[in-house]
Amino acid sequence: MTEKQFTVEDIEDMIHKLGVLIADETQGLLITTLKKNFFEEYKEFDTITAWECLVDEVNRIQSVIELHDFLVECNEEDLKLLLERFEG
């Protein structure tokens, strides 16, 4: 199997798709997380463990959002450097 060689345009497209995945108003990561019934999802756990699970999930989403925001701010030169590190 051959490895795919990414271009800056591929990365920009992926960043855009990540933004849609996060913010889509019907099925995005934010809206689906907000719609979850956390009481039902974590009912098997004690209160402290359930709270820690909720906090972990919120922190994961925050990390993905921060990554997206960081990547959006990258210019073409930055993306080329990231690609070189990724491929090297």
PDB file of N, CA and C in Angstrom:
ATOM      1  N   MET A   1       0.833  -1.164   0.000  1.00  0.00           N
ATOM      2  CA  MET A   1       0.000   0.000   0.000  1.00  0.00           C
ATOM      3  C   MET A   1       0.891   1.245   0.000  1.00  0.00           C
ATOM      4  N   THR A   2       0.570   2.189  -0.846  1.00  0.00           N
ATOM      5  CA  THR A   2       1.361   3.408  -0.947  1.00  0.00           C
ATOM      6  C   THR A   2       0.817   4.463   0.000  1.00  0.00           C
ATOM      7  N   GLU A   3       1.740   5.191   0.633  1.00  0.00           N
ATOM      8  CA  GLU A   3       1.319   6.271   1.521  1.00  0.00           C
ATOM      9  C   GLU A   3       0.901   7.478   0.696  1.00  0.00           C
ATOM     10  N   LYS A   4      -0.155   8.141   1.120  1.00  0.00           N
ATOM     11  CA  LYS A   4      -0.633   9.333   0.423  1.00  0.00           C
ATOM     12  C   LYS A   4       0.285  10.505   0.742  1.00  0.00           C
ATOM     13  N   GLN A   5       0.642  11.235  -0.271  1.00  0.00           N
ATOM     14  CA  GLN A   5       1.427  12.448  -0.092  1.00  0.00           C
ATOM     15  C   GLN A   5       0.448  13.619  -0.026  1.00  0.00           C
ATOM     16  N   PHE A   6       0.399  14.280   1.099  1.00  0.00           N
ATOM     17  CA  PHE A   6      -0.520  15.391   1.288  1.00  0.00           C
ATOM     18  C   PHE A   6       0.064  16.676   0.723  1.00  0.00           C
ATOM     19  N   THR A   7      -0.818  17.537   0.274  1.00  0.00           N
ATOM     20  CA  THR A   7      -0.430  18.863  -0.182  1.00  0.00           C
ATOM     21  C   THR A   7      -1.000  19.885   0.786  1.00  0.00           C
ATOM     22  N   VAL A   8      -0.565  21.121   0.647  1.00  0.00           N
ATOM     23  CA  VAL A   8      -1.108  22.196   1.479  1.00  0.00           C
ATOM     24  C   VAL A   8      -2.613  22.314   1.250  1.00  0.00           C
ATOM     25  N   GLU A   9      -3.032  22.132   0.020  1.00  0.00           N
ATOM     26  CA  GLU A   9      -4.469  22.204  -0.290  1.00  0.00           C
ATOM     27  C   GLU A   9      -5.241  21.090   0.413  1.00  0.00           C
ATOM     28  N   ASP A  10      -4.644  19.888   0.484  1.00  0.00           N
ATOM     29  CA  ASP A  10      -5.279  18.785   1.212  1.00  0.00           C
ATOM     30  C   ASP A  10      -5.456  19.152   2.682  1.00  0.00           C
ATOM     31  N   ILE A  11      -4.409  19.711   3.258  1.00  0.00           N
ATOM     32  CA  ILE A  11      -4.455  20.078   4.680  1.00  0.00           C
ATOM     33  C   ILE A  11      -5.482  21.179   4.911  1.00  0.00           C
ATOM     34  N   GLU A  12      -5.522  22.169   4.051  1.00  0.00           N
ATOM     35  CA  GLU A  12      -6.516  23.239   4.191  1.00  0.00           C
ATOM     36  C   GLU A  12      -7.925  22.673   4.097  1.00  0.00           C
ATOM     37  N   ASP A  13      -8.138  21.710   3.192  1.00  0.00           N
ATOM     38  CA  ASP A  13      -9.446  21.068   3.060  1.00  0.00           C
ATOM     39  C   ASP A  13      -9.786  20.284   4.325  1.00  0.00           C
ATOM     40  N   MET A  14      -8.806  19.589   4.886  1.00  0.00           N
ATOM     41  CA  MET A  14      -9.026  18.841   6.124  1.00  0.00           C
ATOM     42  C   MET A  14      -9.365  19.775   7.286  1.00  0.00           C
ATOM     43  N   ILE A  15      -8.696  20.913   7.353  1.00  0.00           N
ATOM     44  CA  ILE A  15      -8.973  21.889   8.414  1.00  0.00           C
ATOM     45  C   ILE A  15     -10.412  22.384   8.291  1.00  0.00           C
ATOM     46  N   HIS A  16     -10.822  22.667   7.054  1.00  0.00           N
ATOM     47  CA  HIS A  16     -12.202  23.113   6.821  1.00  0.00           C
ATOM     48  C   HIS A  16     -13.193  22.031   7.256  1.00  0.00           C
ATOM     49  N   LYS A  17     -12.921  20.781   6.877  1.00  0.00           N
ATOM     50  CA  LYS A  17     -13.815  19.672   7.247  1.00  0.00           C
ATOM     51  C   LYS A  17     -13.863  19.486   8.760  1.00  0.00           C
ATOM     52  N   LEU A  18     -12.732  19.679   9.427  1.00  0.00           N
ATOM     53  CA  LEU A  18     -12.705  19.589  10.886  1.00  0.00           C
ATOM     54  C   LEU A  18     -13.587  20.675  11.491  1.00  0.00           C
ATOM     55  N   GLY A  19     -13.513  21.882  10.937  1.00  0.00           N
ATOM     56  CA  GLY A  19     -14.366  22.970  11.421  1.00  0.00           C
ATOM     57  C   GLY A  19     -15.836  22.635  11.275  1.00  0.00           C
ATOM     58  N   VAL A  20     -16.208  22.032  10.147  1.00  0.00           N
ATOM     59  CA  VAL A  20     -17.598  21.623   9.934  1.00  0.00           C
ATOM     60  C   VAL A  20     -17.976  20.528  10.918  1.00  0.00           C
ATOM     61  N   LEU A  21     -17.082  19.567  11.112  1.00  0.00           N
ATOM     62  CA  LEU A  21     -17.330  18.478  12.053  1.00  0.00           C
ATOM     63  C   LEU A  21     -17.577  19.017  13.468  1.00  0.00           C
ATOM     64  N   ILE A  22     -16.883  20.053  13.821  1.00  0.00           N
ATOM     65  CA  ILE A  22     -17.040  20.641  15.158  1.00  0.00           C
ATOM     66  C   ILE A  22     -18.340  21.430  15.261  1.00  0.00           C
ATOM     67  N   ALA A  23     -18.607  22.279  14.267  1.00  0.00           N
ATOM     68  CA  ALA A  23     -19.639  23.299  14.432  1.00  0.00           C
ATOM     69  C   ALA A  23     -20.948  23.042  13.699  1.00  0.00           C
ATOM     70  N   ASP A  24     -21.050  21.985  12.909  1.00  0.00           N
ATOM     71  CA  ASP A  24     -22.293  21.734  12.178  1.00  0.00           C
ATOM     72  C   ASP A  24     -23.477  21.795  13.134  1.00  0.00           C
ATOM     73  N   GLU A  25     -24.508  22.555  12.756  1.00  0.00           N
ATOM     74  CA  GLU A  25     -25.621  22.820  13.669  1.00  0.00           C
ATOM     75  C   GLU A  25     -26.547  21.632  13.880  1.00  0.00           C
ATOM     76  N   THR A  26     -26.451  20.610  13.023  1.00  0.00           N
ATOM     77  CA  THR A  26     -27.340  19.458  13.187  1.00  0.00           C
ATOM     78  C   THR A  26     -26.622  18.225  13.710  1.00  0.00           C
ATOM     79  N   GLN A  27     -25.371  18.006  13.281  1.00  0.00           N
ATOM     80  CA  GLN A  27     -24.680  16.782  13.688  1.00  0.00           C
ATOM     81  C   GLN A  27     -23.240  17.036  14.134  1.00  0.00           C
ATOM     82  N   GLY A  28     -22.893  18.261  14.389  1.00  0.00           N
ATOM     83  CA  GLY A  28     -21.531  18.583  14.782  1.00  0.00           C
ATOM     84  C   GLY A  28     -21.188  18.116  16.185  1.00  0.00           C
ATOM     85  N   LEU A  29     -19.905  18.097  16.461  1.00  0.00           N
ATOM     86  CA  LEU A  29     -19.402  17.637  17.749  1.00  0.00           C
ATOM     87  C   LEU A  29     -19.979  18.452  18.910  1.00  0.00           C
ATOM     88  N   LEU A  30     -20.052  19.754  18.750  1.00  0.00           N
ATOM     89  CA  LEU A  30     -20.569  20.593  19.840  1.00  0.00           C
ATOM     90  C   LEU A  30     -22.036  20.301  20.126  1.00  0.00           C
ATOM     91  N   ILE A  31     -22.862  20.300  19.077  1.00  0.00           N
ATOM     92  CA  ILE A  31     -24.299  20.137  19.291  1.00  0.00           C
ATOM     93  C   ILE A  31     -24.632  18.733  19.788  1.00  0.00           C
ATOM     94  N   THR A  32     -23.951  17.711  19.265  1.00  0.00           N
ATOM     95  CA  THR A  32     -24.250  16.349  19.730  1.00  0.00           C
ATOM     96  C   THR A  32     -23.822  16.163  21.183  1.00  0.00           C
ATOM     97  N   THR A  33     -22.745  16.810  21.577  1.00  0.00           N
ATOM     98  CA  THR A  33     -22.316  16.725  22.973  1.00  0.00           C
ATOM     99  C   THR A  33     -23.303  17.446  23.882  1.00  0.00           C
ATOM    100  N   LEU A  34     -23.761  18.605  23.457  1.00  0.00           N
ATOM    101  CA  LEU A  34     -24.715  19.352  24.270  1.00  0.00           C
ATOM    102  C   LEU A  34     -26.054  18.637  24.389  1.00  0.00           C
ATOM    103  N   LYS A  35     -26.409  17.834  23.393  1.00  0.00           N
ATOM    104  CA  LYS A  35     -27.688  17.121  23.415  1.00  0.00           C
ATOM    105  C   LYS A  35     -27.645  15.834  24.228  1.00  0.00           C
ATOM    106  N   LYS A  36     -26.454  15.401  24.615  1.00  0.00           N
ATOM    107  CA  LYS A  36     -26.337  14.146  25.367  1.00  0.00           C
ATOM    108  C   LYS A  36     -27.030  14.247  26.717  1.00  0.00           C
ATOM    109  N   ASN A  37     -27.595  13.149  27.124  1.00  0.00           N
ATOM    110  CA  ASN A  37     -28.169  13.043  28.457  1.00  0.00           C
ATOM    111  C   ASN A  37     -27.084  12.462  29.360  1.00  0.00           C
ATOM    112  N   PHE A  38     -26.330  13.338  29.977  1.00  0.00           N
ATOM    113  CA  PHE A  38     -25.197  12.898  30.779  1.00  0.00           C
ATOM    114  C   PHE A  38     -25.623  12.101  32.006  1.00  0.00           C
ATOM    115  N   PHE A  39     -26.801  12.392  32.539  1.00  0.00           N
ATOM    116  CA  PHE A  39     -27.284  11.611  33.680  1.00  0.00           C
ATOM    117  C   PHE A  39     -27.458  10.151  33.268  1.00  0.00           C
ATOM    118  N   GLU A  40     -28.042   9.943  32.099  1.00  0.00           N
ATOM    119  CA  GLU A  40     -28.263   8.584  31.606  1.00  0.00           C
ATOM    120  C   GLU A  40     -26.948   7.914  31.210  1.00  0.00           C
ATOM    121  N   GLU A  41     -26.085   8.651  30.527  1.00  0.00           N
ATOM    122  CA  GLU A  41     -24.835   8.089  30.025  1.00  0.00           C
ATOM    123  C   GLU A  41     -23.895   7.623  31.145  1.00  0.00           C
ATOM    124  N   TYR A  42     -23.884   8.359  32.236  1.00  0.00           N
ATOM    125  CA  TYR A  42     -22.956   8.036  33.326  1.00  0.00           C
ATOM    126  C   TYR A  42     -23.654   7.485  34.560  1.00  0.00           C
ATOM    127  N   LYS A  43     -24.855   6.947  34.404  1.00  0.00           N
ATOM    128  CA  LYS A  43     -25.630   6.490  35.559  1.00  0.00           C
ATOM    129  C   LYS A  43     -24.973   5.320  36.300  1.00  0.00           C
ATOM    130  N   GLU A  44     -24.106   4.576  35.603  1.00  0.00           N
ATOM    131  CA  GLU A  44     -23.445   3.426  36.233  1.00  0.00           C
ATOM    132  C   GLU A  44     -22.355   3.844  37.221  1.00  0.00           C
ATOM    133  N   PHE A  45     -21.933   5.087  37.146  1.00  0.00           N
ATOM    134  CA  PHE A  45     -20.808   5.546  37.952  1.00  0.00           C
ATOM    135  C   PHE A  45     -21.280   6.341  39.157  1.00  0.00           C
ATOM    136  N   ASP A  46     -20.401   6.421  40.147  1.00  0.00           N
ATOM    137  CA  ASP A  46     -20.710   7.308  41.276  1.00  0.00           C
ATOM    138  C   ASP A  46     -20.595   8.753  40.787  1.00  0.00           C
ATOM    139  N   THR A  47     -21.059   9.680  41.570  1.00  0.00           N
ATOM    140  CA  THR A  47     -21.134  11.076  41.156  1.00  0.00           C
ATOM    141  C   THR A  47     -19.770  11.655  40.785  1.00  0.00           C
ATOM    142  N   ILE A  48     -18.753  11.377  41.572  1.00  0.00           N
ATOM    143  CA  ILE A  48     -17.419  11.925  41.297  1.00  0.00           C
ATOM    144  C   ILE A  48     -16.864  11.386  39.987  1.00  0.00           C
ATOM    145  N   THR A  49     -16.976  10.088  39.769  1.00  0.00           N
ATOM    146  CA  THR A  49     -16.476   9.485  38.538  1.00  0.00           C
ATOM    147  C   THR A  49     -17.256  10.006  37.333  1.00  0.00           C
ATOM    148  N   ALA A  50     -18.570  10.127  37.461  1.00  0.00           N
ATOM    149  CA  ALA A  50     -19.391  10.661  36.376  1.00  0.00           C
ATOM    150  C   ALA A  50     -18.971  12.094  36.048  1.00  0.00           C
ATOM    151  N   TRP A  51     -18.732  12.882  37.079  1.00  0.00           N
ATOM    152  CA  TRP A  51     -18.292  14.269  36.869  1.00  0.00           C
ATOM    153  C   TRP A  51     -16.945  14.292  36.157  1.00  0.00           C
ATOM    154  N   GLU A  52     -16.019  13.430  36.566  1.00  0.00           N
ATOM    155  CA  GLU A  52     -14.702  13.373  35.922  1.00  0.00           C
ATOM    156  C   GLU A  52     -14.824  12.973  34.454  1.00  0.00           C
ATOM    157  N   CYS A  53     -15.737  12.048  34.144  1.00  0.00           N
ATOM    158  CA  CYS A  53     -15.966  11.642  32.749  1.00  0.00           C
ATOM    159  C   CYS A  53     -16.498  12.817  31.933  1.00  0.00           C
ATOM    160  N   LEU A  54     -17.428  13.537  32.493  1.00  0.00           N
ATOM    161  CA  LEU A  54     -17.985  14.712  31.815  1.00  0.00           C
ATOM    162  C   LEU A  54     -16.899  15.755  31.575  1.00  0.00           C
ATOM    163  N   VAL A  55     -16.100  16.027  32.580  1.00  0.00           N
ATOM    164  CA  VAL A  55     -15.021  17.004  32.457  1.00  0.00           C
ATOM    165  C   VAL A  55     -14.019  16.557  31.392  1.00  0.00           C
ATOM    166  N   ASP A  56     -13.672  15.274  31.382  1.00  0.00           N
ATOM    167  CA  ASP A  56     -12.752  14.745  30.368  1.00  0.00           C
ATOM    168  C   ASP A  56     -13.313  14.946  28.964  1.00  0.00           C
ATOM    169  N   GLU A  57     -14.587  14.688  28.795  1.00  0.00           N
ATOM    170  CA  GLU A  57     -15.207  14.852  27.475  1.00  0.00           C
ATOM    171  C   GLU A  57     -15.198  16.316  27.039  1.00  0.00           C
ATOM    172  N   VAL A  58     -15.536  17.200  27.937  1.00  0.00           N
ATOM    173  CA  VAL A  58     -15.514  18.631  27.626  1.00  0.00           C
ATOM    174  C   VAL A  58     -14.092  19.082  27.291  1.00  0.00           C
ATOM    175  N   ASN A  59     -13.110  18.594  28.032  1.00  0.00           N
ATOM    176  CA  ASN A  59     -11.712  18.947  27.769  1.00  0.00           C
ATOM    177  C   ASN A  59     -11.236  18.416  26.421  1.00  0.00           C
ATOM    178  N   ARG A  60     -11.673  17.225  26.045  1.00  0.00           N
ATOM    179  CA  ARG A  60     -11.319  16.668  24.730  1.00  0.00           C
ATOM    180  C   ARG A  60     -11.870  17.549  23.614  1.00  0.00           C
ATOM    181  N   ILE A  61     -13.112  17.942  23.755  1.00  0.00           N
ATOM    182  CA  ILE A  61     -13.721  18.810  22.742  1.00  0.00           C
ATOM    183  C   ILE A  61     -12.995  20.140  22.680  1.00  0.00           C
ATOM    184  N   GLN A  62     -12.669  20.691  23.826  1.00  0.00           N
ATOM    185  CA  GLN A  62     -11.930  21.958  23.871  1.00  0.00           C
ATOM    186  C   GLN A  62     -10.587  21.821  23.172  1.00  0.00           C
ATOM    187  N   SER A  63      -9.904  20.698  23.369  1.00  0.00           N
ATOM    188  CA  SER A  63      -8.616  20.468  22.716  1.00  0.00           C
ATOM    189  C   SER A  63      -8.756  20.409  21.200  1.00  0.00           C
ATOM    190  N   VAL A  64      -9.808  19.751  20.724  1.00  0.00           N
ATOM    191  CA  VAL A  64     -10.044  19.675  19.277  1.00  0.00           C
ATOM    192  C   VAL A  64     -10.327  21.066  18.714  1.00  0.00           C
ATOM    193  N   ILE A  65     -11.091  21.849  19.427  1.00  0.00           N
ATOM    194  CA  ILE A  65     -11.393  23.217  18.990  1.00  0.00           C
ATOM    195  C   ILE A  65     -10.118  24.059  18.965  1.00  0.00           C
ATOM    196  N   GLU A  66      -9.291  23.922  19.987  1.00  0.00           N
ATOM    197  CA  GLU A  66      -8.031  24.670  20.023  1.00  0.00           C
ATOM    198  C   GLU A  66      -7.104  24.253  18.887  1.00  0.00           C
ATOM    199  N   LEU A  67      -7.056  22.957  18.593  1.00  0.00           N
ATOM    200  CA  LEU A  67      -6.257  22.485  17.461  1.00  0.00           C
ATOM    201  C   LEU A  67      -6.769  23.086  16.163  1.00  0.00           C
ATOM    202  N   HIS A  68      -8.073  23.056  15.969  1.00  0.00           N
ATOM    203  CA  HIS A  68      -8.645  23.646  14.758  1.00  0.00           C
ATOM    204  C   HIS A  68      -8.295  25.127  14.659  1.00  0.00           C
ATOM    205  N   ASP A  69      -8.481  25.860  15.745  1.00  0.00           N
ATOM    206  CA  ASP A  69      -8.179  27.296  15.735  1.00  0.00           C
ATOM    207  C   ASP A  69      -6.706  27.553  15.432  1.00  0.00           C
ATOM    208  N   PHE A  70      -5.818  26.727  15.985  1.00  0.00           N
ATOM    209  CA  PHE A  70      -4.391  26.855  15.709  1.00  0.00           C
ATOM    210  C   PHE A  70      -4.115  26.630  14.222  1.00  0.00           C
ATOM    211  N   LEU A  71      -4.689  25.565  13.673  1.00  0.00           N
ATOM    212  CA  LEU A  71      -4.450  25.237  12.270  1.00  0.00           C
ATOM    213  C   LEU A  71      -5.024  26.285  11.329  1.00  0.00           C
ATOM    214  N   VAL A  72      -6.152  26.864  11.687  1.00  0.00           N
ATOM    215  CA  VAL A  72      -6.754  27.918  10.853  1.00  0.00           C
ATOM    216  C   VAL A  72      -5.818  29.119  10.755  1.00  0.00           C
ATOM    217  N   GLU A  73      -5.113  29.393  11.834  1.00  0.00           N
ATOM    218  CA  GLU A  73      -4.204  30.543  11.864  1.00  0.00           C
ATOM    219  C   GLU A  73      -2.899  30.306  11.098  1.00  0.00           C
ATOM    220  N   CYS A  74      -2.613  29.059  10.758  1.00  0.00           N
ATOM    221  CA  CYS A  74      -1.374  28.754  10.034  1.00  0.00           C
ATOM    222  C   CYS A  74      -1.459  29.279   8.604  1.00  0.00           C
ATOM    223  N   ASN A  75      -0.382  29.889   8.162  1.00  0.00           N
ATOM    224  CA  ASN A  75      -0.335  30.322   6.765  1.00  0.00           C
ATOM    225  C   ASN A  75       0.234  29.187   5.919  1.00  0.00           C
ATOM    226  N   GLU A  76       0.340  29.412   4.626  1.00  0.00           N
ATOM    227  CA  GLU A  76       0.800  28.362   3.723  1.00  0.00           C
ATOM    228  C   GLU A  76       2.202  27.876   4.076  1.00  0.00           C
ATOM    229  N   GLU A  77       3.064  28.791   4.468  1.00  0.00           N
ATOM    230  CA  GLU A  77       4.437  28.431   4.849  1.00  0.00           C
ATOM    231  C   GLU A  77       4.435  27.515   6.081  1.00  0.00           C
ATOM    232  N   ASP A  78       3.610  27.861   7.071  1.00  0.00           N
ATOM    233  CA  ASP A  78       3.508  27.027   8.275  1.00  0.00           C
ATOM    234  C   ASP A  78       3.014  25.629   7.928  1.00  0.00           C
ATOM    235  N   LEU A  79       2.017  25.556   7.053  1.00  0.00           N
ATOM    236  CA  LEU A  79       1.479  24.254   6.667  1.00  0.00           C
ATOM    237  C   LEU A  79       2.518  23.423   5.918  1.00  0.00           C
ATOM    238  N   LYS A  80       3.323  24.072   5.091  1.00  0.00           N
ATOM    239  CA  LYS A  80       4.391  23.354   4.391  1.00  0.00           C
ATOM    240  C   LYS A  80       5.387  22.778   5.388  1.00  0.00           C
ATOM    241  N   LEU A  81       5.728  23.560   6.412  1.00  0.00           N
ATOM    242  CA  LEU A  81       6.644  23.063   7.450  1.00  0.00           C
ATOM    243  C   LEU A  81       6.038  21.883   8.203  1.00  0.00           C
ATOM    244  N   LEU A  82       4.750  21.965   8.517  1.00  0.00           N
ATOM    245  CA  LEU A  82       4.081  20.849   9.186  1.00  0.00           C
ATOM    246  C   LEU A  82       4.099  19.602   8.306  1.00  0.00           C
ATOM    247  N   LEU A  83       3.855  19.781   7.030  1.00  0.00           N
ATOM    248  CA  LEU A  83       3.884  18.642   6.108  1.00  0.00           C
ATOM    249  C   LEU A  83       5.269  18.015   6.037  1.00  0.00           C
ATOM    250  N   GLU A  84       6.286  18.839   6.000  1.00  0.00           N
ATOM    251  CA  GLU A  84       7.653  18.325   5.933  1.00  0.00           C
ATOM    252  C   GLU A  84       7.971  17.484   7.174  1.00  0.00           C
ATOM    253  N   ARG A  85       7.530  17.945   8.331  1.00  0.00           N
ATOM    254  CA  ARG A  85       7.751  17.178   9.567  1.00  0.00           C
ATOM    255  C   ARG A  85       6.963  15.897   9.570  1.00  0.00           C
ATOM    256  N   PHE A  86       5.747  15.961   9.053  1.00  0.00           N
ATOM    257  CA  PHE A  86       4.859  14.797   9.013  1.00  0.00           C
ATOM    258  C   PHE A  86       5.417  13.738   8.068  1.00  0.00           C
ATOM    259  N   GLU A  87       5.880  14.165   6.928  1.00  0.00           N
ATOM    260  CA  GLU A  87       6.357  13.235   5.918  1.00  0.00           C
ATOM    261  C   GLU A  87       7.788  12.786   6.156  1.00  0.00           C
ATOM    262  N   GLY A  88       8.534  13.546   6.948  1.00  0.00           N
ATOM    263  CA  GLY A  88       9.954  13.240   7.157  1.00  0.00           C
ATOM    264  C   GLY A  88      10.219  12.289   8.211  1.00  0.00           C
TER     265      GLY A  88
END
